[in-house]
Amino acid sequence: MYKVFINEKRLILSSEPQNSPKILNYDGSHSFDFAIDLLENTASQGLNIYHKDVEELWTDFRNYFKNIEAAGGVVINPEDKILFIHRLGKWDLPKGKIEKGESREVAAVREVEEECGIFNLELKDFINSTYHIYTERDGKKILKTTYWFEMFYSGNETPKPQIEEGINEVGWKNEEEIESQILPSTFQNIKLILNDFKNKKPQ
């Protein structure tokens, strides 16, 4: 199953019908046209497209869009706090586009360093991927895949926001602050990856 966000509304691609406001049996690329129109231009909050071969459906879906790949990090410090950035009125995790010839891991670390001004990060496990669709200025639809990695930071540098990238604040947040400050003012994909990260941690 794949979860893709369009305007913060969830599009689920699956092999069997799921619990969703609207459900559609895959019938070629015009199913994707319908999905985009529905989620961009109506009040509908979600759609499920299903097909018996979900990997075939996903391949068709990816091929329908221009694809961009990014990488980022869920960075933990010794106090078990997570590093967040604040940009354009939203809390987010540090991430950015993968450059040509760069591995996902290298890109993830580089983007955290650039956006947060801290270095000597310890790269740990891959967490998961998230997906969202946005529109470029020329009207082209982009499917952005972001690969997320756990990182550990044991240094004592004070994080500094990358102002030129529109980041106005960087900060370490504990579990209580995440619940009260971050989750009410972040993206659906960030909620997903935080949940995945929490579920992967040993209890």
N, C-alpha and C. Protein backbone atom coordinates (compact mmCIF):
# COMPACT_ATOMS: atom_id res chain seq x y z
N MET A 1 0.84 -1.20 0.00
CA MET A 1 0.00 0.00 0.00
C MET A 1 0.87 1.25 0.00
N TYR A 2 0.47 2.24 -0.76
CA TYR A 2 1.21 3.50 -0.82
C TYR A 2 0.26 4.65 -0.45
N LYS A 3 0.79 5.61 0.33
CA LYS A 3 0.02 6.79 0.72
C LYS A 3 0.71 8.01 0.15
N VAL A 4 -0.03 8.74 -0.68
CA VAL A 4 0.50 9.93 -1.34
C VAL A 4 -0.38 11.11 -0.95
N PHE A 5 0.24 12.25 -0.65
CA PHE A 5 -0.55 13.41 -0.27
C PHE A 5 -0.59 14.45 -1.38
N ILE A 6 -1.79 14.95 -1.63
CA ILE A 6 -2.04 16.04 -2.58
C ILE A 6 -2.82 17.09 -1.81
N ASN A 7 -2.25 18.29 -1.65
CA ASN A 7 -2.91 19.33 -0.84
C ASN A 7 -3.27 18.82 0.55
N GLU A 8 -2.37 18.00 1.13
CA GLU A 8 -2.57 17.46 2.47
C GLU A 8 -3.76 16.49 2.54
N LYS A 9 -4.27 16.06 1.38
CA LYS A 9 -5.33 15.05 1.32
C LYS A 9 -4.71 13.73 0.88
N ARG A 10 -5.22 12.63 1.43
CA ARG A 10 -4.56 11.34 1.25
C ARG A 10 -5.11 10.56 0.05
N LEU A 11 -4.19 10.17 -0.82
CA LEU A 11 -4.49 9.25 -1.91
C LEU A 11 -3.83 7.92 -1.57
N ILE A 12 -4.64 6.87 -1.44
CA ILE A 12 -4.13 5.54 -1.11
C ILE A 12 -4.15 4.68 -2.36
N LEU A 13 -3.03 4.05 -2.66
CA LEU A 13 -2.93 3.09 -3.76
C LEU A 13 -2.76 1.72 -3.12
N SER A 14 -3.66 0.79 -3.45
CA SER A 14 -3.66 -0.49 -2.74
C SER A 14 -4.15 -1.62 -3.65
N SER A 15 -4.01 -2.85 -3.15
CA SER A 15 -4.46 -4.02 -3.91
C SER A 15 -5.92 -4.36 -3.60
N GLU A 16 -6.42 -3.90 -2.48
CA GLU A 16 -7.81 -4.12 -2.07
C GLU A 16 -8.42 -2.80 -1.64
N PRO A 17 -9.76 -2.65 -1.77
CA PRO A 17 -10.40 -1.40 -1.33
C PRO A 17 -10.11 -1.11 0.14
N GLN A 18 -9.86 0.17 0.43
CA GLN A 18 -9.55 0.62 1.78
C GLN A 18 -10.65 1.55 2.29
N ASN A 19 -10.59 1.81 3.58
CA ASN A 19 -11.52 2.76 4.18
C ASN A 19 -11.10 4.17 3.78
N SER A 20 -11.87 4.79 2.88
CA SER A 20 -11.53 6.11 2.35
C SER A 20 -12.81 6.81 1.93
N PRO A 21 -12.81 8.17 1.94
CA PRO A 21 -14.03 8.88 1.52
C PRO A 21 -14.52 8.48 0.14
N LYS A 22 -13.60 8.20 -0.79
CA LYS A 22 -13.99 7.73 -2.12
C LYS A 22 -13.08 6.58 -2.53
N ILE A 23 -13.65 5.61 -3.28
CA ILE A 23 -12.92 4.42 -3.69
C ILE A 23 -13.10 4.24 -5.20
N LEU A 24 -11.99 3.92 -5.88
CA LEU A 24 -12.02 3.82 -7.34
C LEU A 24 -11.21 2.60 -7.78
N ASN A 25 -11.81 1.77 -8.62
CA ASN A 25 -11.10 0.64 -9.22
C ASN A 25 -10.23 1.19 -10.35
N TYR A 26 -8.93 0.88 -10.33
CA TYR A 26 -7.99 1.43 -11.31
C TYR A 26 -8.41 1.06 -12.73
N ASP A 27 -8.44 2.09 -13.58
CA ASP A 27 -8.88 1.89 -14.96
C ASP A 27 -8.03 2.73 -15.91
N GLY A 28 -6.71 2.67 -15.72
CA GLY A 28 -5.83 3.42 -16.60
C GLY A 28 -5.52 4.81 -16.07
N SER A 29 -4.73 5.55 -16.83
CA SER A 29 -4.19 6.82 -16.34
C SER A 29 -5.27 7.86 -16.08
N HIS A 30 -6.45 7.73 -16.72
CA HIS A 30 -7.48 8.73 -16.41
C HIS A 30 -7.96 8.61 -14.97
N SER A 31 -7.67 7.47 -14.32
CA SER A 31 -7.95 7.35 -12.88
C SER A 31 -7.10 8.36 -12.11
N PHE A 32 -5.87 8.58 -12.58
CA PHE A 32 -4.98 9.55 -11.92
C PHE A 32 -5.46 10.98 -12.20
N ASP A 33 -5.93 11.24 -13.41
CA ASP A 33 -6.51 12.55 -13.73
C ASP A 33 -7.66 12.85 -12.78
N PHE A 34 -8.52 11.85 -12.60
CA PHE A 34 -9.67 12.01 -11.71
C PHE A 34 -9.21 12.29 -10.28
N ALA A 35 -8.21 11.54 -9.83
CA ALA A 35 -7.72 11.69 -8.45
C ALA A 35 -7.19 13.10 -8.21
N ILE A 36 -6.39 13.60 -9.12
CA ILE A 36 -5.80 14.93 -8.96
C ILE A 36 -6.89 16.00 -8.96
N ASP A 37 -7.80 15.89 -9.89
CA ASP A 37 -8.90 16.87 -9.96
C ASP A 37 -9.72 16.85 -8.68
N LEU A 38 -10.05 15.65 -8.21
CA LEU A 38 -10.87 15.51 -7.00
C LEU A 38 -10.18 16.12 -5.79
N LEU A 39 -8.90 15.81 -5.61
CA LEU A 39 -8.21 16.23 -4.39
C LEU A 39 -7.70 17.66 -4.45
N GLU A 40 -7.54 18.20 -5.65
CA GLU A 40 -7.11 19.59 -5.77
C GLU A 40 -8.29 20.56 -5.83
N ASN A 41 -9.41 20.13 -6.38
CA ASN A 41 -10.47 21.08 -6.73
C ASN A 41 -11.82 20.84 -6.06
N THR A 42 -11.91 19.84 -5.17
CA THR A 42 -13.16 19.62 -4.46
C THR A 42 -12.87 19.55 -2.96
N ALA A 43 -13.92 19.43 -2.19
CA ALA A 43 -13.78 19.35 -0.73
C ALA A 43 -13.47 17.94 -0.25
N SER A 44 -13.45 16.98 -1.15
CA SER A 44 -13.18 15.60 -0.78
C SER A 44 -11.84 15.48 -0.08
N GLN A 45 -11.81 14.73 1.01
CA GLN A 45 -10.60 14.64 1.84
C GLN A 45 -9.72 13.44 1.53
N GLY A 46 -10.16 12.55 0.64
CA GLY A 46 -9.33 11.39 0.36
C GLY A 46 -9.90 10.51 -0.72
N LEU A 47 -9.03 9.68 -1.28
CA LEU A 47 -9.41 8.76 -2.36
C LEU A 47 -8.54 7.52 -2.28
N ASN A 48 -9.15 6.38 -2.55
CA ASN A 48 -8.42 5.12 -2.66
C ASN A 48 -8.58 4.57 -4.08
N ILE A 49 -7.44 4.37 -4.76
CA ILE A 49 -7.43 3.68 -6.04
C ILE A 49 -6.86 2.29 -5.79
N TYR A 50 -7.59 1.25 -6.22
CA TYR A 50 -7.09 -0.10 -5.96
C TYR A 50 -6.98 -0.89 -7.26
N HIS A 51 -6.07 -1.86 -7.23
CA HIS A 51 -5.81 -2.73 -8.38
C HIS A 51 -5.19 -4.01 -7.82
N LYS A 52 -5.50 -5.14 -8.39
CA LYS A 52 -5.04 -6.43 -7.84
C LYS A 52 -3.51 -6.50 -7.73
N ASP A 53 -2.80 -5.82 -8.64
CA ASP A 53 -1.33 -5.79 -8.59
C ASP A 53 -0.91 -4.38 -8.20
N VAL A 54 -0.68 -4.17 -6.90
CA VAL A 54 -0.40 -2.82 -6.41
C VAL A 54 0.94 -2.30 -6.92
N GLU A 55 1.90 -3.20 -7.17
CA GLU A 55 3.19 -2.74 -7.68
C GLU A 55 3.08 -2.26 -9.13
N GLU A 56 2.24 -2.93 -9.91
CA GLU A 56 1.96 -2.46 -11.27
C GLU A 56 1.26 -1.10 -11.23
N LEU A 57 0.31 -0.96 -10.31
CA LEU A 57 -0.39 0.32 -10.12
C LEU A 57 0.61 1.42 -9.74
N TRP A 58 1.52 1.11 -8.82
CA TRP A 58 2.50 2.09 -8.36
C TRP A 58 3.44 2.48 -9.50
N THR A 59 3.86 1.52 -10.30
CA THR A 59 4.74 1.81 -11.44
C THR A 59 4.04 2.74 -12.42
N ASP A 60 2.79 2.44 -12.74
CA ASP A 60 2.02 3.31 -13.64
C ASP A 60 1.88 4.71 -13.05
N PHE A 61 1.65 4.77 -11.75
CA PHE A 61 1.46 6.05 -11.07
C PHE A 61 2.74 6.88 -11.14
N ARG A 62 3.87 6.26 -10.82
CA ARG A 62 5.15 6.97 -10.87
C ARG A 62 5.46 7.46 -12.28
N ASN A 63 5.16 6.63 -13.27
CA ASN A 63 5.46 6.99 -14.66
C ASN A 63 4.57 8.11 -15.18
N TYR A 64 3.48 8.36 -14.48
CA TYR A 64 2.53 9.40 -14.90
C TYR A 64 3.08 10.80 -14.56
N PHE A 65 4.01 10.88 -13.63
CA PHE A 65 4.50 12.16 -13.13
C PHE A 65 5.99 12.34 -13.43
N LYS A 66 6.45 13.59 -13.35
CA LYS A 66 7.87 13.86 -13.24
C LYS A 66 8.26 13.52 -11.80
N ASN A 67 9.35 12.77 -11.63
CA ASN A 67 9.74 12.31 -10.30
C ASN A 67 10.94 13.09 -9.78
N ILE A 68 10.86 13.50 -8.53
CA ILE A 68 11.96 14.15 -7.83
C ILE A 68 12.20 13.39 -6.53
N GLU A 69 13.48 13.18 -6.19
CA GLU A 69 13.81 12.47 -4.96
C GLU A 69 14.52 13.39 -3.98
N ALA A 70 14.17 13.23 -2.72
CA ALA A 70 14.76 14.02 -1.65
C ALA A 70 15.12 13.09 -0.50
N ALA A 71 15.87 13.62 0.45
CA ALA A 71 16.24 12.83 1.63
C ALA A 71 16.33 13.74 2.83
N GLY A 72 16.05 13.18 4.00
CA GLY A 72 16.08 13.98 5.21
C GLY A 72 16.29 13.12 6.44
N GLY A 73 16.28 13.78 7.60
CA GLY A 73 16.60 13.06 8.82
C GLY A 73 15.69 13.35 9.99
N VAL A 74 15.47 12.30 10.78
CA VAL A 74 14.90 12.44 12.12
C VAL A 74 16.10 12.37 13.05
N VAL A 75 16.52 13.54 13.55
CA VAL A 75 17.76 13.65 14.32
C VAL A 75 17.45 13.65 15.81
N ILE A 76 18.11 12.75 16.54
CA ILE A 76 17.91 12.61 17.98
C ILE A 76 19.16 13.05 18.70
N ASN A 77 18.99 13.69 19.87
CA ASN A 77 20.15 14.04 20.70
C ASN A 77 20.15 13.18 21.97
N PRO A 78 21.16 13.29 22.82
CA PRO A 78 21.24 12.43 24.01
C PRO A 78 20.05 12.58 24.96
N GLU A 79 19.33 13.68 24.86
CA GLU A 79 18.14 13.87 25.72
C GLU A 79 16.89 13.30 25.07
N ASP A 80 17.07 12.60 23.94
CA ASP A 80 15.96 11.97 23.21
C ASP A 80 15.00 13.00 22.61
N LYS A 81 15.54 14.20 22.33
CA LYS A 81 14.74 15.21 21.65
C LYS A 81 14.98 15.10 20.14
N ILE A 82 14.00 15.58 19.36
CA ILE A 82 14.06 15.53 17.90
C ILE A 82 14.26 16.94 17.37
N LEU A 83 15.06 17.06 16.32
CA LEU A 83 15.39 18.36 15.72
C LEU A 83 14.38 18.72 14.64
N PHE A 84 13.75 19.90 14.78
CA PHE A 84 12.76 20.38 13.81
C PHE A 84 13.17 21.74 13.25
N ILE A 85 12.71 22.02 12.05
CA ILE A 85 12.87 23.34 11.45
C ILE A 85 11.49 23.98 11.31
N HIS A 86 11.47 25.32 11.28
CA HIS A 86 10.21 26.05 11.08
C HIS A 86 10.37 26.92 9.83
N ARG A 87 9.42 26.72 8.88
CA ARG A 87 9.51 27.43 7.61
C ARG A 87 8.10 27.68 7.08
N LEU A 88 7.86 28.90 6.64
CA LEU A 88 6.57 29.27 6.03
C LEU A 88 5.39 28.89 6.91
N GLY A 89 5.56 29.13 8.21
CA GLY A 89 4.46 28.92 9.14
C GLY A 89 4.22 27.48 9.55
N LYS A 90 5.09 26.57 9.14
CA LYS A 90 4.91 25.15 9.46
C LYS A 90 6.18 24.57 10.08
N TRP A 91 5.99 23.63 10.99
CA TRP A 91 7.09 22.85 11.50
C TRP A 91 7.37 21.70 10.54
N ASP A 92 8.64 21.37 10.39
CA ASP A 92 9.03 20.36 9.42
C ASP A 92 10.29 19.67 9.93
N LEU A 93 10.66 18.59 9.26
CA LEU A 93 11.94 17.94 9.50
C LEU A 93 12.91 18.36 8.40
N PRO A 94 14.20 18.48 8.70
CA PRO A 94 15.16 18.90 7.67
C PRO A 94 15.26 17.87 6.54
N LYS A 95 15.24 18.38 5.32
CA LYS A 95 15.29 17.51 4.14
C LYS A 95 15.58 18.36 2.92
N GLY A 96 15.92 17.72 1.80
CA GLY A 96 16.13 18.45 0.57
C GLY A 96 16.40 17.51 -0.59
N LYS A 97 16.48 18.07 -1.79
CA LYS A 97 16.65 17.26 -3.00
C LYS A 97 18.00 16.55 -3.01
N ILE A 98 17.97 15.34 -3.55
CA ILE A 98 19.20 14.57 -3.76
C ILE A 98 19.89 15.11 -5.01
N GLU A 99 21.16 15.44 -4.88
CA GLU A 99 21.90 15.97 -6.02
C GLU A 99 22.40 14.84 -6.92
N LYS A 100 22.69 15.17 -8.15
CA LYS A 100 23.14 14.17 -9.12
C LYS A 100 24.39 13.46 -8.62
N GLY A 101 24.37 12.14 -8.67
CA GLY A 101 25.50 11.34 -8.23
C GLY A 101 25.60 11.13 -6.74
N GLU A 102 24.64 11.66 -5.99
CA GLU A 102 24.67 11.59 -4.53
C GLU A 102 23.82 10.41 -4.06
N SER A 103 24.27 9.72 -3.03
CA SER A 103 23.45 8.66 -2.45
C SER A 103 22.38 9.28 -1.55
N ARG A 104 21.36 8.50 -1.25
CA ARG A 104 20.30 8.97 -0.37
C ARG A 104 20.86 9.32 1.00
N GLU A 105 21.76 8.47 1.49
CA GLU A 105 22.32 8.67 2.82
C GLU A 105 23.14 9.95 2.90
N VAL A 106 23.99 10.16 1.91
CA VAL A 106 24.83 11.36 1.88
C VAL A 106 23.96 12.61 1.78
N ALA A 107 22.95 12.56 0.92
CA ALA A 107 22.04 13.70 0.75
C ALA A 107 21.32 14.03 2.05
N ALA A 108 20.86 13.00 2.75
CA ALA A 108 20.13 13.22 4.00
C ALA A 108 21.00 13.95 5.03
N VAL A 109 22.22 13.48 5.19
CA VAL A 109 23.13 14.11 6.16
C VAL A 109 23.46 15.54 5.72
N ARG A 110 23.77 15.71 4.44
CA ARG A 110 24.11 17.05 3.93
C ARG A 110 22.98 18.04 4.17
N GLU A 111 21.76 17.63 3.88
CA GLU A 111 20.63 18.54 4.04
C GLU A 111 20.41 18.93 5.50
N VAL A 112 20.58 17.99 6.42
CA VAL A 112 20.45 18.32 7.84
C VAL A 112 21.54 19.32 8.23
N GLU A 113 22.77 19.06 7.77
CA GLU A 113 23.87 19.98 8.10
C GLU A 113 23.61 21.38 7.56
N GLU A 114 23.15 21.45 6.29
CA GLU A 114 22.93 22.76 5.67
C GLU A 114 21.78 23.51 6.30
N GLU A 115 20.68 22.81 6.57
CA GLU A 115 19.48 23.50 7.06
C GLU A 115 19.55 23.82 8.55
N CYS A 116 20.36 23.06 9.30
CA CYS A 116 20.36 23.21 10.75
C CYS A 116 21.69 23.68 11.33
N GLY A 117 22.75 23.68 10.52
CA GLY A 117 24.03 24.18 11.00
C GLY A 117 24.71 23.34 12.06
N ILE A 118 24.44 22.03 12.05
CA ILE A 118 25.16 21.12 12.97
C ILE A 118 25.88 20.07 12.13
N PHE A 119 26.97 19.51 12.70
CA PHE A 119 27.82 18.61 11.93
C PHE A 119 28.20 17.38 12.77
N ASN A 120 28.91 16.46 12.15
CA ASN A 120 29.33 15.23 12.82
C ASN A 120 28.13 14.40 13.28
N LEU A 121 27.18 14.26 12.38
CA LEU A 121 26.00 13.45 12.66
C LEU A 121 26.33 11.97 12.47
N GLU A 122 25.73 11.15 13.30
CA GLU A 122 25.87 9.70 13.15
C GLU A 122 24.65 9.17 12.41
N LEU A 123 24.87 8.67 11.19
CA LEU A 123 23.77 8.13 10.39
C LEU A 123 23.41 6.75 10.91
N LYS A 124 22.12 6.54 11.15
CA LYS A 124 21.67 5.24 11.67
C LYS A 124 20.74 4.59 10.63
N ASP A 125 19.60 4.09 11.03
CA ASP A 125 18.77 3.27 10.14
C ASP A 125 17.88 4.09 9.22
N PHE A 126 17.56 3.50 8.07
CA PHE A 126 16.51 4.03 7.21
C PHE A 126 15.18 3.83 7.91
N ILE A 127 14.31 4.84 7.86
CA ILE A 127 13.00 4.74 8.54
C ILE A 127 11.92 4.36 7.53
N ASN A 128 11.71 5.20 6.53
CA ASN A 128 10.67 4.94 5.53
C ASN A 128 10.72 6.04 4.49
N SER A 129 9.86 5.92 3.48
CA SER A 129 9.73 6.95 2.45
C SER A 129 8.35 7.60 2.56
N THR A 130 8.29 8.88 2.19
CA THR A 130 7.00 9.56 2.09
C THR A 130 6.85 10.12 0.68
N TYR A 131 5.59 10.39 0.29
CA TYR A 131 5.30 10.82 -1.07
C TYR A 131 4.29 11.97 -1.06
N HIS A 132 4.57 12.98 -1.88
CA HIS A 132 3.52 13.98 -2.10
C HIS A 132 3.64 14.56 -3.50
N ILE A 133 2.53 15.12 -3.95
CA ILE A 133 2.44 15.68 -5.29
C ILE A 133 2.25 17.18 -5.18
N TYR A 134 3.00 17.91 -6.00
CA TYR A 134 2.83 19.36 -6.07
C TYR A 134 2.93 19.80 -7.52
N THR A 135 2.59 21.06 -7.77
CA THR A 135 2.56 21.59 -9.13
C THR A 135 3.65 22.64 -9.30
N GLU A 136 4.48 22.49 -10.33
CA GLU A 136 5.49 23.50 -10.63
C GLU A 136 4.85 24.70 -11.30
N ARG A 137 5.62 25.77 -11.43
CA ARG A 137 5.07 27.01 -12.00
C ARG A 137 4.56 26.81 -13.43
N ASP A 138 5.19 25.87 -14.16
CA ASP A 138 4.75 25.63 -15.54
C ASP A 138 3.54 24.71 -15.62
N GLY A 139 3.00 24.32 -14.45
CA GLY A 139 1.81 23.48 -14.42
C GLY A 139 2.11 21.99 -14.37
N LYS A 140 3.38 21.63 -14.45
CA LYS A 140 3.75 20.21 -14.45
C LYS A 140 3.58 19.64 -13.05
N LYS A 141 3.00 18.43 -12.99
CA LYS A 141 2.78 17.75 -11.71
C LYS A 141 4.03 16.94 -11.33
N ILE A 142 4.46 17.11 -10.09
CA ILE A 142 5.66 16.45 -9.60
C ILE A 142 5.29 15.46 -8.50
N LEU A 143 5.83 14.24 -8.59
CA LEU A 143 5.73 13.29 -7.49
C LEU A 143 7.07 13.31 -6.76
N LYS A 144 7.04 13.77 -5.53
CA LYS A 144 8.27 13.88 -4.74
C LYS A 144 8.34 12.74 -3.73
N THR A 145 9.40 11.97 -3.81
CA THR A 145 9.67 10.89 -2.86
C THR A 145 10.77 11.36 -1.91
N THR A 146 10.51 11.28 -0.62
CA THR A 146 11.52 11.65 0.37
C THR A 146 11.90 10.43 1.19
N TYR A 147 13.20 10.16 1.26
CA TYR A 147 13.74 9.03 2.02
C TYR A 147 14.23 9.54 3.37
N TRP A 148 13.74 8.92 4.43
CA TRP A 148 14.02 9.42 5.78
C TRP A 148 14.95 8.47 6.54
N PHE A 149 15.93 9.06 7.22
CA PHE A 149 16.90 8.29 7.99
C PHE A 149 16.96 8.79 9.43
N GLU A 150 17.15 7.86 10.33
CA GLU A 150 17.42 8.23 11.72
C GLU A 150 18.87 8.68 11.83
N MET A 151 19.10 9.73 12.61
CA MET A 151 20.46 10.21 12.87
C MET A 151 20.59 10.53 14.35
N PHE A 152 21.85 10.49 14.81
CA PHE A 152 22.12 10.82 16.21
C PHE A 152 23.15 11.94 16.25
N TYR A 153 22.89 12.92 17.11
CA TYR A 153 23.82 14.05 17.27
C TYR A 153 24.24 14.16 18.73
N SER A 154 25.53 14.00 18.98
CA SER A 154 26.03 14.05 20.36
C SER A 154 26.84 15.31 20.64
N GLY A 155 26.91 16.21 19.66
CA GLY A 155 27.72 17.42 19.81
C GLY A 155 27.02 18.49 20.64
N ASN A 156 27.67 19.64 20.73
CA ASN A 156 27.12 20.73 21.55
C ASN A 156 26.94 22.03 20.75
N GLU A 157 26.98 21.93 19.41
CA GLU A 157 26.73 23.12 18.60
C GLU A 157 25.27 23.54 18.75
N THR A 158 25.02 24.83 18.74
CA THR A 158 23.65 25.33 18.74
C THR A 158 23.14 25.36 17.30
N PRO A 159 22.04 24.68 17.01
CA PRO A 159 21.52 24.68 15.63
C PRO A 159 21.24 26.09 15.15
N LYS A 160 21.54 26.33 13.87
CA LYS A 160 21.31 27.65 13.26
C LYS A 160 20.49 27.46 11.99
N PRO A 161 19.38 28.18 11.86
CA PRO A 161 18.52 28.02 10.68
C PRO A 161 19.17 28.55 9.41
N GLN A 162 18.96 27.85 8.30
CA GLN A 162 19.45 28.30 6.99
C GLN A 162 18.47 29.34 6.46
N ILE A 163 18.72 30.59 6.79
CA ILE A 163 17.80 31.69 6.50
C ILE A 163 17.51 31.80 5.00
N GLU A 164 18.55 31.59 4.18
CA GLU A 164 18.36 31.74 2.73
C GLU A 164 17.41 30.71 2.14
N GLU A 165 17.13 29.64 2.90
CA GLU A 165 16.15 28.64 2.46
C GLU A 165 14.78 28.88 3.12
N GLY A 166 14.62 30.04 3.72
CA GLY A 166 13.32 30.38 4.30
C GLY A 166 13.07 29.79 5.68
N ILE A 167 14.11 29.20 6.27
CA ILE A 167 13.96 28.61 7.61
C ILE A 167 14.19 29.69 8.65
N ASN A 168 13.24 29.91 9.54
CA ASN A 168 13.36 30.98 10.51
C ASN A 168 13.66 30.49 11.93
N GLU A 169 13.58 29.17 12.13
CA GLU A 169 13.84 28.64 13.47
C GLU A 169 14.24 27.18 13.36
N VAL A 170 15.15 26.76 14.23
CA VAL A 170 15.54 25.36 14.37
C VAL A 170 15.53 25.05 15.86
N GLY A 171 14.97 23.92 16.24
CA GLY A 171 14.95 23.62 17.67
C GLY A 171 14.76 22.16 17.98
N TRP A 172 15.31 21.77 19.15
CA TRP A 172 15.12 20.42 19.68
C TRP A 172 13.80 20.38 20.44
N LYS A 173 12.99 19.35 20.19
CA LYS A 173 11.68 19.26 20.84
C LYS A 173 11.53 17.90 21.52
N ASN A 174 11.02 17.95 22.76
CA ASN A 174 10.76 16.70 23.46
C ASN A 174 9.36 16.17 23.10
N GLU A 175 9.01 15.04 23.65
CA GLU A 175 7.75 14.38 23.28
C GLU A 175 6.54 15.27 23.56
N GLU A 176 6.56 15.94 24.70
CA GLU A 176 5.44 16.82 25.07
C GLU A 176 5.33 18.00 24.10
N GLU A 177 6.48 18.58 23.74
CA GLU A 177 6.47 19.71 22.80
C GLU A 177 6.04 19.27 21.40
N ILE A 178 6.41 18.06 21.02
CA ILE A 178 5.99 17.54 19.72
C ILE A 178 4.46 17.44 19.68
N GLU A 179 3.89 16.92 20.75
CA GLU A 179 2.43 16.77 20.82
C GLU A 179 1.72 18.13 20.80
N SER A 180 2.25 19.09 21.56
CA SER A 180 1.53 20.36 21.72
C SER A 180 1.86 21.40 20.65
N GLN A 181 3.12 21.40 20.15
CA GLN A 181 3.55 22.44 19.21
C GLN A 181 3.67 21.94 17.76
N ILE A 182 4.30 20.78 17.60
CA ILE A 182 4.65 20.31 16.25
C ILE A 182 3.46 19.70 15.52
N LEU A 183 2.83 18.72 16.10
CA LEU A 183 1.78 17.98 15.39
C LEU A 183 0.61 18.86 14.95
N PRO A 184 0.21 19.89 15.73
CA PRO A 184 -0.88 20.74 15.24
C PRO A 184 -0.48 21.64 14.08
N SER A 185 0.84 21.75 13.79
CA SER A 185 1.30 22.71 12.79
C SER A 185 2.38 22.09 11.89
N THR A 186 2.11 20.87 11.40
CA THR A 186 3.04 20.24 10.49
C THR A 186 2.27 19.55 9.38
N PHE A 187 3.01 18.86 8.51
CA PHE A 187 2.42 18.20 7.34
C PHE A 187 2.03 16.76 7.67
N GLN A 188 1.08 16.23 6.90
CA GLN A 188 0.63 14.86 7.12
C GLN A 188 1.78 13.86 6.97
N ASN A 189 2.66 14.09 5.99
CA ASN A 189 3.78 13.18 5.80
C ASN A 189 4.73 13.17 6.99
N ILE A 190 4.88 14.33 7.64
CA ILE A 190 5.75 14.40 8.82
C ILE A 190 5.12 13.62 9.96
N LYS A 191 3.82 13.71 10.10
CA LYS A 191 3.13 12.91 11.12
C LYS A 191 3.34 11.42 10.86
N LEU A 192 3.28 11.02 9.58
CA LEU A 192 3.48 9.62 9.23
C LEU A 192 4.87 9.15 9.61
N ILE A 193 5.89 9.94 9.25
CA ILE A 193 7.27 9.48 9.48
C ILE A 193 7.60 9.50 10.97
N LEU A 194 7.05 10.45 11.72
CA LEU A 194 7.26 10.46 13.17
C LEU A 194 6.63 9.22 13.81
N ASN A 195 5.46 8.84 13.31
CA ASN A 195 4.80 7.65 13.80
C ASN A 195 5.59 6.38 13.46
N ASP A 196 6.09 6.32 12.21
CA ASP A 196 6.92 5.18 11.81
C ASP A 196 8.18 5.09 12.68
N PHE A 197 8.79 6.24 12.94
CA PHE A 197 10.00 6.27 13.75
C PHE A 197 9.71 5.80 15.17
N LYS A 198 8.62 6.29 15.72
CA LYS A 198 8.24 5.91 17.09
C LYS A 198 7.99 4.41 17.19
N ASN A 199 7.34 3.84 16.15
CA ASN A 199 7.03 2.41 16.17
C ASN A 199 8.26 1.54 15.96
N LYS A 200 9.32 2.10 15.35
CA LYS A 200 10.55 1.32 15.13
C LYS A 200 11.45 1.33 16.37
N LYS A 201 11.26 2.31 17.24
CA LYS A 201 12.12 2.41 18.41
C LYS A 201 11.81 1.26 19.37
N PRO A 202 12.84 0.67 20.00
CA PRO A 202 12.58 -0.38 21.00
C PRO A 202 11.81 0.20 22.18
N GLN A 203 10.83 -0.54 22.61
CA GLN A 203 9.96 -0.07 23.69
C GLN A 203 10.59 -0.37 25.06
